[in-house]
Amino acid sequence: MKLGYVSLPGRGENDLLLAKVAGRLCGQLKLCGTVQTNIERADRRKCDMDLRLLATGEVLRISEDRGALARGCTLDTQALTEAVARSEATLSGADLLIINKFGKIEAEGHGFAPLIAEALCRGIPVLVGVNALNLPAFKVFAGGIAQPLPPNAQHVIDWCQNARVANAA
């Protein structure tokens, strides 16, 4: 089982790295999963969050617009559930599953957590973004098999390609 993760400091840094990796692997590997784009809005405290489904290119907004003064989480859990279902539908035959974020929902065993487990059970390598807040829960979830990857796109790409080759052998 191959489970790699990136955990970079700074808001949105995991998203940028994973999007770069996915962009470079597109066409080389059959990708499944999601990358996130955060869209800052001058009239809002919170950004809009969009997920691009790697297998289809579809984009789903996963944030709720709760107004200019919104605080706290703006995650639209129904949209996240839809992203999980669409990703799950494209898992078969994938060379690599990329999940933009192991967040609070995943730490509770929901969201993408079951899909990560399913991919690993099928022998599909998984790359995940994890922020520092959720890293302890991710490590518990991973049960000691997760490999931390450095904040270097080429190194992460090499890991993905090697994990896929090891899986095919």
Protein backbone atom coordinates (compact mmCIF):
# COMPACT_ATOMS: atom_id res chain seq x y z
CA MET A 1 0.00 0.00 0.00
CA LYS A 2 1.34 3.42 -0.97
CA LEU A 3 0.05 6.46 0.90
CA GLY A 4 1.97 9.71 0.59
CA TYR A 5 1.12 13.10 1.98
CA VAL A 6 2.21 16.70 1.83
CA SER A 7 1.80 19.09 4.74
CA LEU A 8 3.06 22.54 3.90
CA PRO A 9 2.75 25.62 6.10
CA GLY A 10 0.76 28.50 4.71
CA ARG A 11 -2.83 28.82 3.64
CA GLY A 12 -3.42 27.16 0.27
CA GLU A 13 0.16 25.89 -0.16
CA ASN A 14 -0.90 22.22 -0.21
CA ASP A 15 -3.50 23.08 -2.85
CA LEU A 16 -0.95 24.81 -5.07
CA LEU A 17 1.54 21.95 -4.84
CA LEU A 18 -1.07 19.24 -5.50
CA ALA A 19 -2.49 21.16 -8.47
CA LYS A 20 1.01 21.48 -9.93
CA VAL A 21 1.67 17.77 -9.42
CA ALA A 22 -1.69 16.78 -10.94
CA GLY A 23 -1.09 19.08 -13.90
CA ARG A 24 2.26 17.48 -14.62
CA LEU A 25 0.93 13.92 -14.21
CA CYS A 26 -2.13 14.48 -16.37
CA GLY A 27 -1.69 12.45 -19.53
CA GLN A 28 0.98 10.24 -17.91
CA LEU A 29 -1.23 8.56 -15.31
CA LYS A 30 -4.95 7.94 -15.03
CA LEU A 31 -5.81 10.30 -12.17
CA CYS A 32 -8.77 10.19 -9.84
CA GLY A 33 -9.68 12.52 -6.99
CA THR A 34 -9.58 16.26 -6.52
CA VAL A 35 -7.49 19.39 -6.39
CA GLN A 36 -8.74 22.60 -4.82
CA THR A 37 -8.68 26.19 -5.98
CA ASN A 38 -9.33 28.97 -3.47
CA ILE A 39 -10.80 32.12 -4.97
CA GLU A 40 -10.33 35.22 -2.86
CA ARG A 41 -13.15 37.75 -2.87
CA ALA A 42 -12.61 41.36 -1.90
CA ASP A 43 -16.10 41.57 -0.41
CA ARG A 44 -15.75 38.45 1.81
CA ARG A 45 -13.65 37.26 4.73
CA LYS A 46 -13.77 33.72 3.38
CA CYS A 47 -12.66 32.56 -0.04
CA ASP A 48 -14.73 30.45 -2.42
CA MET A 49 -13.50 26.86 -2.60
CA ASP A 50 -13.73 24.89 -5.84
CA LEU A 51 -12.76 21.27 -6.38
CA ARG A 52 -11.66 20.05 -9.80
CA LEU A 53 -12.40 16.39 -10.33
CA LEU A 54 -9.26 14.98 -11.90
CA ALA A 55 -10.90 12.18 -13.87
CA THR A 56 -13.45 14.41 -15.62
CA GLY A 57 -12.25 17.99 -15.27
CA GLU A 58 -15.58 19.01 -13.70
CA VAL A 59 -15.45 21.80 -11.11
CA LEU A 60 -17.68 21.79 -8.04
CA ARG A 61 -18.03 24.69 -5.62
CA ILE A 62 -17.75 23.23 -2.13
CA SER A 63 -18.20 26.42 -0.14
CA GLU A 64 -21.41 28.09 0.90
CA ASP A 65 -21.83 31.83 0.48
CA ARG A 66 -22.87 32.81 4.00
CA GLY A 67 -22.35 36.52 3.52
CA ALA A 68 -19.58 39.05 3.90
CA LEU A 69 -19.20 38.68 7.67
CA ALA A 70 -19.24 34.87 7.82
CA ARG A 71 -16.91 33.25 10.32
CA GLY A 72 -16.11 29.61 10.84
CA CYS A 73 -16.38 26.83 8.32
CA THR A 74 -18.20 27.54 5.07
CA LEU A 75 -17.88 23.99 3.70
CA ASP A 76 -20.96 22.81 1.82
CA THR A 77 -21.08 19.20 3.02
CA GLN A 78 -23.60 18.21 0.33
CA ALA A 79 -21.22 19.43 -2.38
CA LEU A 80 -18.36 17.56 -0.71
CA THR A 81 -20.48 14.40 -0.66
CA GLU A 82 -21.13 14.88 -4.38
CA ALA A 83 -17.40 15.27 -5.06
CA VAL A 84 -16.70 12.06 -3.13
CA ALA A 85 -19.39 10.15 -5.04
CA ARG A 86 -18.14 11.37 -8.42
CA SER A 87 -14.56 10.51 -7.50
CA GLU A 88 -15.60 7.07 -6.29
CA ALA A 89 -17.36 6.44 -9.61
CA THR A 90 -14.05 6.96 -11.46
CA LEU A 91 -11.76 5.02 -9.08
CA SER A 92 -11.81 1.80 -11.06
CA GLY A 93 -8.73 1.60 -13.24
CA ALA A 94 -7.10 4.69 -11.73
CA ASP A 95 -3.32 4.77 -11.43
CA LEU A 96 -3.37 7.33 -8.60
CA LEU A 97 -5.89 8.92 -6.25
CA ILE A 98 -5.15 12.51 -5.23
CA ILE A 99 -7.18 14.04 -2.40
CA ASN A 100 -6.71 17.75 -1.87
CA LYS A 101 -7.33 17.71 1.86
CA PHE A 102 -7.66 15.34 4.77
CA GLY A 103 -9.75 17.70 6.85
CA LYS A 104 -12.03 17.67 9.88
CA ILE A 105 -14.72 15.69 8.03
CA GLU A 106 -12.16 13.00 7.08
CA ALA A 107 -10.73 12.99 10.62
CA GLU A 108 -14.24 12.03 11.74
CA GLY A 109 -14.23 9.12 9.27
CA HIS A 110 -16.39 10.77 6.61
CA GLY A 111 -15.79 12.73 3.40
CA PHE A 112 -12.93 11.24 1.40
CA ALA A 113 -11.70 8.94 4.22
CA PRO A 114 -13.62 5.84 3.00
CA LEU A 115 -12.47 6.46 -0.59
CA ILE A 116 -8.84 6.69 0.53
CA ALA A 117 -9.24 3.38 2.35
CA GLU A 118 -10.95 1.80 -0.67
CA ALA A 119 -8.16 2.91 -3.02
CA LEU A 120 -5.52 1.51 -0.71
CA CYS A 121 -7.41 -1.80 -0.44
CA ARG A 122 -7.46 -1.96 -4.25
CA GLY A 123 -3.73 -1.26 -4.40
CA ILE A 124 -4.15 2.23 -5.88
CA PRO A 125 -1.52 4.67 -4.57
CA VAL A 126 -2.91 7.73 -2.77
CA LEU A 127 -1.50 11.25 -2.41
CA VAL A 128 -3.15 13.50 0.19
CA GLY A 129 -2.79 17.10 1.36
CA VAL A 130 -2.94 17.48 5.15
CA ASN A 131 -2.76 20.68 7.16
CA ALA A 132 -0.96 20.80 10.50
CA LEU A 133 -4.24 20.91 12.46
CA ASN A 134 -5.43 17.58 11.03
CA LEU A 135 -2.03 15.86 10.79
CA PRO A 136 -2.37 13.95 14.11
CA ALA A 137 -5.77 12.56 13.07
CA PHE A 138 -4.40 11.67 9.63
CA LYS A 139 -1.52 9.76 11.18
CA VAL A 140 -3.97 7.78 13.32
CA PHE A 141 -6.12 7.11 10.23
CA ALA A 142 -3.05 6.00 8.23
CA GLY A 143 -1.93 3.56 10.89
CA GLY A 144 1.77 4.08 10.26
CA ILE A 145 1.78 3.51 6.47
CA ALA A 146 1.76 7.17 5.36
CA GLN A 147 4.97 8.58 3.94
CA PRO A 148 5.62 12.31 4.37
CA LEU A 149 6.79 13.94 1.15
CA PRO A 150 8.92 17.07 0.90
CA PRO A 151 7.48 20.35 -0.44
CA ASN A 152 9.05 19.79 -3.84
CA ALA A 153 6.81 19.15 -6.85
CA GLN A 154 9.37 17.04 -8.73
CA HIS A 155 9.99 14.83 -5.72
CA VAL A 156 6.24 14.31 -5.25
CA ILE A 157 5.82 13.55 -8.97
CA ASP A 158 8.64 11.01 -8.78
CA TRP A 159 6.99 9.41 -5.74
CA CYS A 160 3.68 9.17 -7.62
CA GLN A 161 5.28 7.61 -10.68
CA ASN A 162 7.30 5.14 -8.57
CA ALA A 163 4.25 4.23 -6.48
CA ARG A 164 2.30 3.52 -9.66
CA VAL A 165 5.14 1.35 -11.08
CA ALA A 166 5.43 -0.56 -7.78
CA ASN A 167 1.65 -1.07 -7.84
CA ALA A 168 1.74 -2.41 -11.42
CA ALA A 169 4.49 -4.94 -10.59
